[in-house]
Amino acid sequence: MPEDILSCFPDAKVVLDPFMGSGTTAIACININRNYIGFELDPTYYAIAEERIKKAIGGKEDAGKK
């Protein structure tokens, strides 16, 4: 997935994911140090994405900026 983002959007500063689901795109952005904006209306998927993103961020100091 990170390769897809880099190949499709090589100069992107921010990646927008309007249907975030379980947060896979957000995690790929975290892994390649890209900023992202994601939207998810379903509370179940929101909770899944939130937990996965927290794990992907780990102990990064700038976690609130991603």
Protein backbone atom coordinates (compact mmCIF):
# COMPACT_ATOMS: atom_id res chain seq x y z
CA MET A 1 0.00 0.00 0.00
CA PRO A 2 2.74 2.60 0.71
CA GLU A 3 4.13 1.95 -2.77
CA ASP A 4 0.70 2.68 -4.26
CA ILE A 5 0.52 6.04 -2.52
CA LEU A 6 4.02 6.97 -3.60
CA SER A 7 3.45 5.93 -7.21
CA CYS A 8 0.01 7.56 -7.55
CA PHE A 9 0.77 10.71 -5.57
CA PRO A 10 4.54 11.27 -5.60
CA ASP A 11 4.34 14.96 -4.66
CA ALA A 12 1.31 14.85 -2.36
CA LYS A 13 1.70 16.60 0.97
CA VAL A 14 -1.62 15.29 2.33
CA VAL A 15 -3.61 12.19 1.37
CA LEU A 16 -7.40 12.40 1.70
CA ASP A 17 -9.37 9.24 2.43
CA PRO A 18 -13.10 10.11 2.54
CA PHE A 19 -14.13 6.51 3.33
CA MET A 20 -11.50 5.47 5.84
CA GLY A 21 -12.84 2.07 6.86
CA SER A 22 -10.32 0.27 9.04
CA GLY A 23 -7.56 2.86 8.44
CA THR A 24 -5.28 1.06 6.00
CA THR A 25 -4.50 4.21 4.00
CA ALA A 26 -3.77 6.15 7.19
CA ILE A 27 -1.33 3.47 8.34
CA ALA A 28 0.37 3.46 4.94
CA CYS A 29 0.75 7.24 5.23
CA ILE A 30 2.22 6.90 8.71
CA ASN A 31 4.72 4.36 7.39
CA ILE A 32 5.93 6.69 4.62
CA ASN A 33 5.74 9.84 6.74
CA ARG A 34 2.86 11.48 4.86
CA ASN A 35 0.07 13.51 6.40
CA TYR A 36 -3.46 12.24 5.91
CA ILE A 37 -7.07 13.22 6.50
CA GLY A 38 -9.64 10.49 6.88
CA PHE A 39 -13.38 10.37 7.42
CA GLU A 40 -15.41 7.45 8.73
CA LEU A 41 -19.06 7.63 9.77
CA ASP A 42 -19.52 4.05 10.97
CA PRO A 43 -18.67 3.92 14.71
CA THR A 44 -17.46 0.32 14.46
CA TYR A 45 -14.96 1.07 11.72
CA TYR A 46 -13.97 4.32 13.43
CA ALA A 47 -13.02 2.38 16.57
CA ILE A 48 -11.06 -0.17 14.52
CA ALA A 49 -9.19 2.56 12.62
CA GLU A 50 -8.48 4.50 15.80
CA GLU A 51 -6.92 1.47 17.49
CA ARG A 52 -4.85 0.52 14.43
CA ILE A 53 -3.58 4.08 14.01
CA LYS A 54 -2.62 4.31 17.68
CA LYS A 55 -0.60 1.11 17.31
CA ALA A 56 1.03 2.33 14.08
CA ILE A 57 1.99 5.65 15.64
CA GLY A 58 3.42 3.98 18.72
CA GLY A 59 5.39 6.48 20.77
CA LYS A 60 5.86 9.19 18.13
CA GLU A 61 5.89 12.67 19.67
CA ASP A 62 4.09 14.28 16.72
CA ALA A 63 1.18 11.81 16.83
CA GLY A 64 -1.41 14.59 16.99
CA LYS A 65 -0.17 16.01 13.68
CA LYS A 66 -0.79 12.85 11.67
